[in-house]
C-alpha atoms as a PDB file:
ATOM      1  CA  MET A   1      -0.441  10.492  18.792  1.00  0.00           C
ATOM      2  CA  SER A   2      -3.054  10.050  20.255  1.00  0.00           C
ATOM      3  CA  PHE A   3      -5.033   9.909  17.392  1.00  0.00           C
ATOM      4  CA  VAL A   4      -3.829   6.439  16.335  1.00  0.00           C
ATOM      5  CA  LYS A   5      -5.139   5.003  19.659  1.00  0.00           C
ATOM      6  CA  ASN A   6      -6.866   1.776  19.488  1.00  0.00           C
ATOM      7  CA  LYS A   7      -5.576   1.827  15.342  1.00  0.00           C
ATOM      8  CA  LYS A   8      -3.835  -1.346  13.667  1.00  0.00           C
ATOM      9  CA  ILE A   9      -1.867   0.451  10.911  1.00  0.00           C
ATOM     10  CA  TYR A  10      -0.469  -2.299   8.403  1.00  0.00           C
ATOM     11  CA  GLY A  11       1.611  -1.140   5.354  1.00  0.00           C
ATOM     12  CA  LEU A  12       1.151  -3.689   1.881  1.00  0.00           C
ATOM     13  CA  VAL A  13       3.430  -3.334  -0.511  1.00  0.00           C
ATOM     14  CA  ALA A  14       4.647  -5.180  -3.288  1.00  0.00           C
ATOM     15  CA  PHE A  15       8.809  -4.310  -4.208  1.00  0.00           C
ATOM     16  CA  GLU A  16      11.558  -6.015  -6.424  1.00  0.00           C
ATOM     17  CA  SER A  17      13.694  -7.122  -3.863  1.00  0.00           C
ATOM     18  CA  ASN A  18      17.370  -5.744  -5.189  1.00  0.00           C
ATOM     19  CA  THR A  19      15.995  -1.952  -5.834  1.00  0.00           C
ATOM     20  CA  GLY A  20      12.417  -1.645  -4.148  1.00  0.00           C
ATOM     21  CA  ALA A  21      10.966  -1.146  -7.541  1.00  0.00           C
ATOM     22  CA  MET A  22       7.673  -0.851  -7.129  1.00  0.00           C
ATOM     23  CA  GLY A  23       5.957   1.298 -10.049  1.00  0.00           C
ATOM     24  CA  LYS A  24       6.487   2.801 -13.723  1.00  0.00           C
ATOM     25  CA  LYS A  25       4.486   5.480 -15.131  1.00  0.00           C
ATOM     26  CA  GLY A  26       1.470   4.941 -12.478  1.00  0.00           C
ATOM     27  CA  GLU A  27       1.038   1.098 -13.211  1.00  0.00           C
ATOM     28  CA  LEU A  28       2.634  -2.353 -11.173  1.00  0.00           C
ATOM     29  CA  PRO A  29       5.528  -3.265 -13.850  1.00  0.00           C
ATOM     30  CA  TRP A  30       4.529  -7.126 -12.680  1.00  0.00           C
ATOM     31  CA  TYR A  31       0.429  -8.952 -12.994  1.00  0.00           C
ATOM     32  CA  LEU A  32       0.499 -11.265  -9.722  1.00  0.00           C
ATOM     33  CA  PRO A  33      -3.235 -12.548  -9.280  1.00  0.00           C
ATOM     34  CA  SER A  34      -2.461 -14.590  -6.384  1.00  0.00           C
ATOM     35  CA  ASP A  35      -0.806 -11.551  -4.740  1.00  0.00           C
ATOM     36  CA  LEU A  36      -3.891  -9.246  -6.110  1.00  0.00           C
ATOM     37  CA  LYS A  37      -6.210 -12.050  -4.617  1.00  0.00           C
ATOM     38  CA  HIS A  38      -4.081 -11.703  -1.089  1.00  0.00           C
ATOM     39  CA  PHE A  39      -4.611  -8.083  -1.597  1.00  0.00           C
ATOM     40  CA  LYS A  40      -8.224  -7.995  -1.853  1.00  0.00           C
ATOM     41  CA  ASN A  41      -8.555 -10.632   0.761  1.00  0.00           C
ATOM     42  CA  LEU A  42      -7.048  -8.430   3.350  1.00  0.00           C
ATOM     43  CA  THR A  43      -8.163  -5.146   2.594  1.00  0.00           C
ATOM     44  CA  LYS A  44     -11.683  -6.216   2.188  1.00  0.00           C
ATOM     45  CA  ASN A  45     -14.158  -4.120   4.396  1.00  0.00           C
ATOM     46  CA  GLN A  46     -11.260  -1.956   6.102  1.00  0.00           C
ATOM     47  CA  THR A  47      -9.672   1.510   5.587  1.00  0.00           C
ATOM     48  CA  ILE A  48      -7.240   1.762   3.156  1.00  0.00           C
ATOM     49  CA  ILE A  49      -4.727   5.107   2.726  1.00  0.00           C
ATOM     50  CA  MET A  50      -2.985   5.936  -0.463  1.00  0.00           C
ATOM     51  CA  GLY A  51      -1.378   8.877  -2.070  1.00  0.00           C
ATOM     52  CA  ARG A  52      -3.216  10.902  -4.961  1.00  0.00           C
ATOM     53  CA  LYS A  53      -0.863   8.825  -7.466  1.00  0.00           C
ATOM     54  CA  THR A  54      -1.659   5.569  -6.058  1.00  0.00           C
ATOM     55  CA  PHE A  55      -5.310   6.780  -5.939  1.00  0.00           C
ATOM     56  CA  ASP A  56      -5.089   7.730  -9.672  1.00  0.00           C
ATOM     57  CA  SER A  57      -3.106   4.716 -10.608  1.00  0.00           C
ATOM     58  CA  ILE A  58      -6.095   2.748  -9.453  1.00  0.00           C
ATOM     59  CA  LEU A  59      -8.714   4.601 -11.297  1.00  0.00           C
ATOM     60  CA  ASN A  60      -6.386   4.250 -14.114  1.00  0.00           C
ATOM     61  CA  SER A  61      -6.668   0.204 -14.054  1.00  0.00           C
ATOM     62  CA  TYR A  62      -9.942  -0.085 -12.859  1.00  0.00           C
ATOM     63  CA  GLY A  63     -11.587   2.591 -13.389  1.00  0.00           C
ATOM     64  CA  SER A  64     -13.179   3.149 -10.067  1.00  0.00           C
ATOM     65  CA  PRO A  65     -11.913   3.080  -6.550  1.00  0.00           C
ATOM     66  CA  LEU A  66     -11.659  -0.143  -5.122  1.00  0.00           C
ATOM     67  CA  PRO A  67     -14.609  -1.211  -3.401  1.00  0.00           C
ATOM     68  CA  GLN A  68     -15.655  -2.675  -0.478  1.00  0.00           C
ATOM     69  CA  ARG A  69     -13.326  -0.528   1.164  1.00  0.00           C
ATOM     70  CA  GLN A  70     -12.887   2.859   2.552  1.00  0.00           C
ATOM     71  CA  ASN A  71     -10.260   4.476   0.342  1.00  0.00           C
ATOM     72  CA  ILE A  72      -8.487   7.280   1.838  1.00  0.00           C
ATOM     73  CA  VAL A  73      -6.220   9.998  -0.054  1.00  0.00           C
ATOM     74  CA  LEU A  74      -3.539  11.513   1.671  1.00  0.00           C
ATOM     75  CA  SER A  75      -2.602  14.344  -1.142  1.00  0.00           C
ATOM     76  CA  LYS A  76      -1.516  17.972  -0.742  1.00  0.00           C
ATOM     77  CA  LYS A  77      -3.918  18.542  -4.211  1.00  0.00           C
ATOM     78  CA  THR A  78      -7.785  18.239  -3.106  1.00  0.00           C
ATOM     79  CA  THR A  79      -9.366  18.041  -6.404  1.00  0.00           C
ATOM     80  CA  ASN A  80     -12.089  15.413  -7.608  1.00  0.00           C
ATOM     81  CA  ILE A  81     -13.173  15.809  -4.110  1.00  0.00           C
ATOM     82  CA  ASP A  82     -16.790  15.595  -5.516  1.00  0.00           C
ATOM     83  CA  THR A  83     -16.512  13.167  -8.356  1.00  0.00           C
ATOM     84  CA  TYR A  84     -15.585  10.298  -5.857  1.00  0.00           C
ATOM     85  CA  LYS A  85     -18.875   9.849  -3.220  1.00  0.00           C
ATOM     86  CA  ASP A  86     -17.429   6.948  -1.548  1.00  0.00           C
ATOM     87  CA  VAL A  87     -13.386   8.719  -1.532  1.00  0.00           C
ATOM     88  CA  LEU A  88     -12.600  11.107   1.387  1.00  0.00           C
ATOM     89  CA  PHE A  89      -9.658  13.071   0.470  1.00  0.00           C
ATOM     90  CA  VAL A  90      -7.650  14.692   3.347  1.00  0.00           C
ATOM     91  CA  ASP A  91      -4.348  16.591   3.572  1.00  0.00           C
ATOM     92  CA  ASN A  92      -2.684  15.427   6.587  1.00  0.00           C
ATOM     93  CA  ILE A  93      -2.229  12.484   8.411  1.00  0.00           C
ATOM     94  CA  LYS A  94      -4.042  13.219  11.543  1.00  0.00           C
ATOM     95  CA  LYS A  95      -7.517  13.565   9.286  1.00  0.00           C
ATOM     96  CA  ALA A  96      -6.692  10.311   7.506  1.00  0.00           C
ATOM     97  CA  LEU A  97      -6.414   8.227  10.563  1.00  0.00           C
ATOM     98  CA  GLU A  98      -9.457  10.247  12.787  1.00  0.00           C
ATOM     99  CA  ASN A  99     -11.787   9.332   9.717  1.00  0.00           C
ATOM    100  CA  SER A 100     -10.738   5.709   9.350  1.00  0.00           C
ATOM    101  CA  LYS A 101     -14.105   3.716  10.411  1.00  0.00           C
ATOM    102  CA  SER A 102     -12.223   0.789  10.548  1.00  0.00           C
ATOM    103  CA  GLU A 103     -10.241  -0.171  13.253  1.00  0.00           C
ATOM    104  CA  THR A 104      -7.688  -1.847  10.725  1.00  0.00           C
ATOM    105  CA  ILE A 105      -6.090   0.276   8.300  1.00  0.00           C
ATOM    106  CA  PHE A 106      -3.474  -0.273   5.693  1.00  0.00           C
ATOM    107  CA  ILE A 107      -1.251   1.879   4.184  1.00  0.00           C
ATOM    108  CA  ILE A 108      -0.794   1.071   0.144  1.00  0.00           C
ATOM    109  CA  GLY A 109       1.782   3.565  -1.445  1.00  0.00           C
ATOM    110  CA  GLY A 110       3.207   5.069  -2.616  1.00  0.00           C
ATOM    111  CA  GLY A 111       6.106   5.673  -1.933  1.00  0.00           C
ATOM    112  CA  GLU A 112       6.285   8.821  -0.166  1.00  0.00           C
ATOM    113  CA  ILE A 113       2.828   7.867   1.886  1.00  0.00           C
ATOM    114  CA  PHE A 114       5.379   4.972   3.306  1.00  0.00           C
ATOM    115  CA  LYS A 115       7.468   6.945   4.950  1.00  0.00           C
ATOM    116  CA  VAL A 116       5.626   9.295   6.553  1.00  0.00           C
ATOM    117  CA  PHE A 117       3.346   6.259   8.132  1.00  0.00           C
ATOM    118  CA  SER A 118       6.381   4.240   8.873  1.00  0.00           C
ATOM    119  CA  LYS A 119       6.706   5.370  12.302  1.00  0.00           C
ATOM    120  CA  ILE A 120       3.776   4.111  13.151  1.00  0.00           C
ATOM    121  CA  LEU A 121       3.048   1.017  11.586  1.00  0.00           C
ATOM    122  CA  CYS A 122       2.645  -2.188  13.868  1.00  0.00           C
ATOM    123  CA  GLY A 123       3.379  -4.593  10.986  1.00  0.00           C
ATOM    124  CA  LEU A 124       4.412  -4.561   6.948  1.00  0.00           C
ATOM    125  CA  TYR A 125       2.861  -7.360   4.536  1.00  0.00           C
ATOM    126  CA  ALA A 126       5.255  -7.143   1.849  1.00  0.00           C
ATOM    127  CA  THR A 127       5.192  -9.059  -1.428  1.00  0.00           C
ATOM    128  CA  ILE A 128       8.924  -9.297  -2.394  1.00  0.00           C
ATOM    129  CA  LEU A 129       9.583 -10.010  -5.712  1.00  0.00           C
ATOM    130  CA  ASP A 130      12.670 -11.328  -7.095  1.00  0.00           C
ATOM    131  CA  VAL A 131      12.706 -10.430 -10.610  1.00  0.00           C
ATOM    132  CA  HIS A 132      14.881  -8.099 -12.407  1.00  0.00           C
ATOM    133  CA  GLN A 133      12.701  -6.747 -15.320  1.00  0.00           C
ATOM    134  CA  THR A 134      12.117  -2.915 -13.683  1.00  0.00           C
ATOM    135  CA  ASP A 135      13.969  -1.053 -16.055  1.00  0.00           C
ATOM    136  CA  ASN A 136      13.038   2.569 -15.795  1.00  0.00           C
ATOM    137  CA  ALA A 137      10.918   2.145 -12.797  1.00  0.00           C
ATOM    138  CA  ASP A 138      10.031   5.328 -11.181  1.00  0.00           C
ATOM    139  CA  THR A 139       8.522   4.709  -7.692  1.00  0.00           C
ATOM    140  CA  PHE A 140      10.466   3.167  -5.213  1.00  0.00           C
ATOM    141  CA  PHE A 141       9.565   1.335  -1.750  1.00  0.00           C
ATOM    142  CA  PRO A 142      12.140   2.956   1.043  1.00  0.00           C
ATOM    143  CA  ILE A 143      13.520  -0.524   2.130  1.00  0.00           C
ATOM    144  CA  ASN A 144      15.184   1.188   4.892  1.00  0.00           C
ATOM    145  CA  ILE A 145      11.244   0.929   6.475  1.00  0.00           C
ATOM    146  CA  LEU A 146      12.325  -2.952   6.978  1.00  0.00           C
ATOM    147  CA  ASP A 147      14.868  -2.102   9.926  1.00  0.00           C
ATOM    148  CA  GLN A 148      12.319  -0.780  12.200  1.00  0.00           C
ATOM    149  CA  PHE A 149      10.956  -4.628  12.318  1.00  0.00           C
ATOM    150  CA  SER A 150      12.313  -7.201  14.455  1.00  0.00           C
ATOM    151  CA  LYS A 151      10.387  -9.843  13.520  1.00  0.00           C
ATOM    152  CA  LYS A 152       9.213 -11.637   9.978  1.00  0.00           C
ATOM    153  CA  GLU A 153       7.158 -14.668   9.044  1.00  0.00           C
ATOM    154  CA  THR A 154       6.928 -15.697   5.809  1.00  0.00           C
ATOM    155  CA  ILE A 155       3.436 -16.267   4.498  1.00  0.00           C
ATOM    156  CA  GLY A 156       4.255 -17.933   1.426  1.00  0.00           C
ATOM    157  CA  GLU A 157       6.780 -18.597  -1.599  1.00  0.00           C
ATOM    158  CA  PHE A 158       4.786 -18.349  -5.072  1.00  0.00           C
ATOM    159  CA  PHE A 159       6.098 -18.669  -8.463  1.00  0.00           C
ATOM    160  CA  GLU A 160       3.489 -17.148 -11.098  1.00  0.00           C
ATOM    161  CA  ASN A 161       3.592 -15.569 -14.879  1.00  0.00           C
ATOM    162  CA  ASN A 162       7.587 -16.758 -14.574  1.00  0.00           C
ATOM    163  CA  ILE A 163       8.079 -14.488 -11.448  1.00  0.00           C
ATOM    164  CA  LYS A 164       9.410 -15.826  -7.915  1.00  0.00           C
ATOM    165  CA  TYR A 165       8.336 -14.195  -5.062  1.00  0.00           C
ATOM    166  CA  GLN A 166       7.405 -14.130  -1.583  1.00  0.00           C
ATOM    167  CA  ILE A 167       4.966 -12.744   0.599  1.00  0.00           C
ATOM    168  CA  ILE A 168       6.447 -11.784   3.929  1.00  0.00           C
ATOM    169  CA  PHE A 169       4.868 -10.002   7.400  1.00  0.00           C
ATOM    170  CA  PHE A 170       7.023  -8.190   8.716  1.00  0.00           C
ATOM    171  CA  TYR A 171       6.355  -7.088  13.035  1.00  0.00           C
ATOM    172  CA  LYS A 172       7.950  -5.719  16.236  1.00  0.00           C
END
């Protein structure tokens, strides 16, 4: 894919260790302020690419697109295009990558978007939770994506809001 040239593409995801659960009715099933800070530090001044449902979830949670980032939404439905001046809606992976203003791009979900980008990720930052309170989750990270990475580095282990989790960087 020539349009990937000079781009570093990473996944950034939080999911439950056993099932890959990562969402429930458009929301995260947990609240981990330290992990959100990690997300913010990694993505600030970078491009983030997400699916429409993830974008809608961000709007519902924060009331606006994520600031200090280029927000690109990959969706077949390109409604609300003019509503958010700092958000680019595209209908294919090539347009998403070609329109990225930064060398570093973070794919932030949802599950289907991770599948679309899985083959071109050079790494994945994964917050893996040891929690079993994800009943009725409706969005899942395709855990088999981890199989494409041969190396991993544990960034840290944490305990917050009665949830044990670790942040691991997977790479090739």
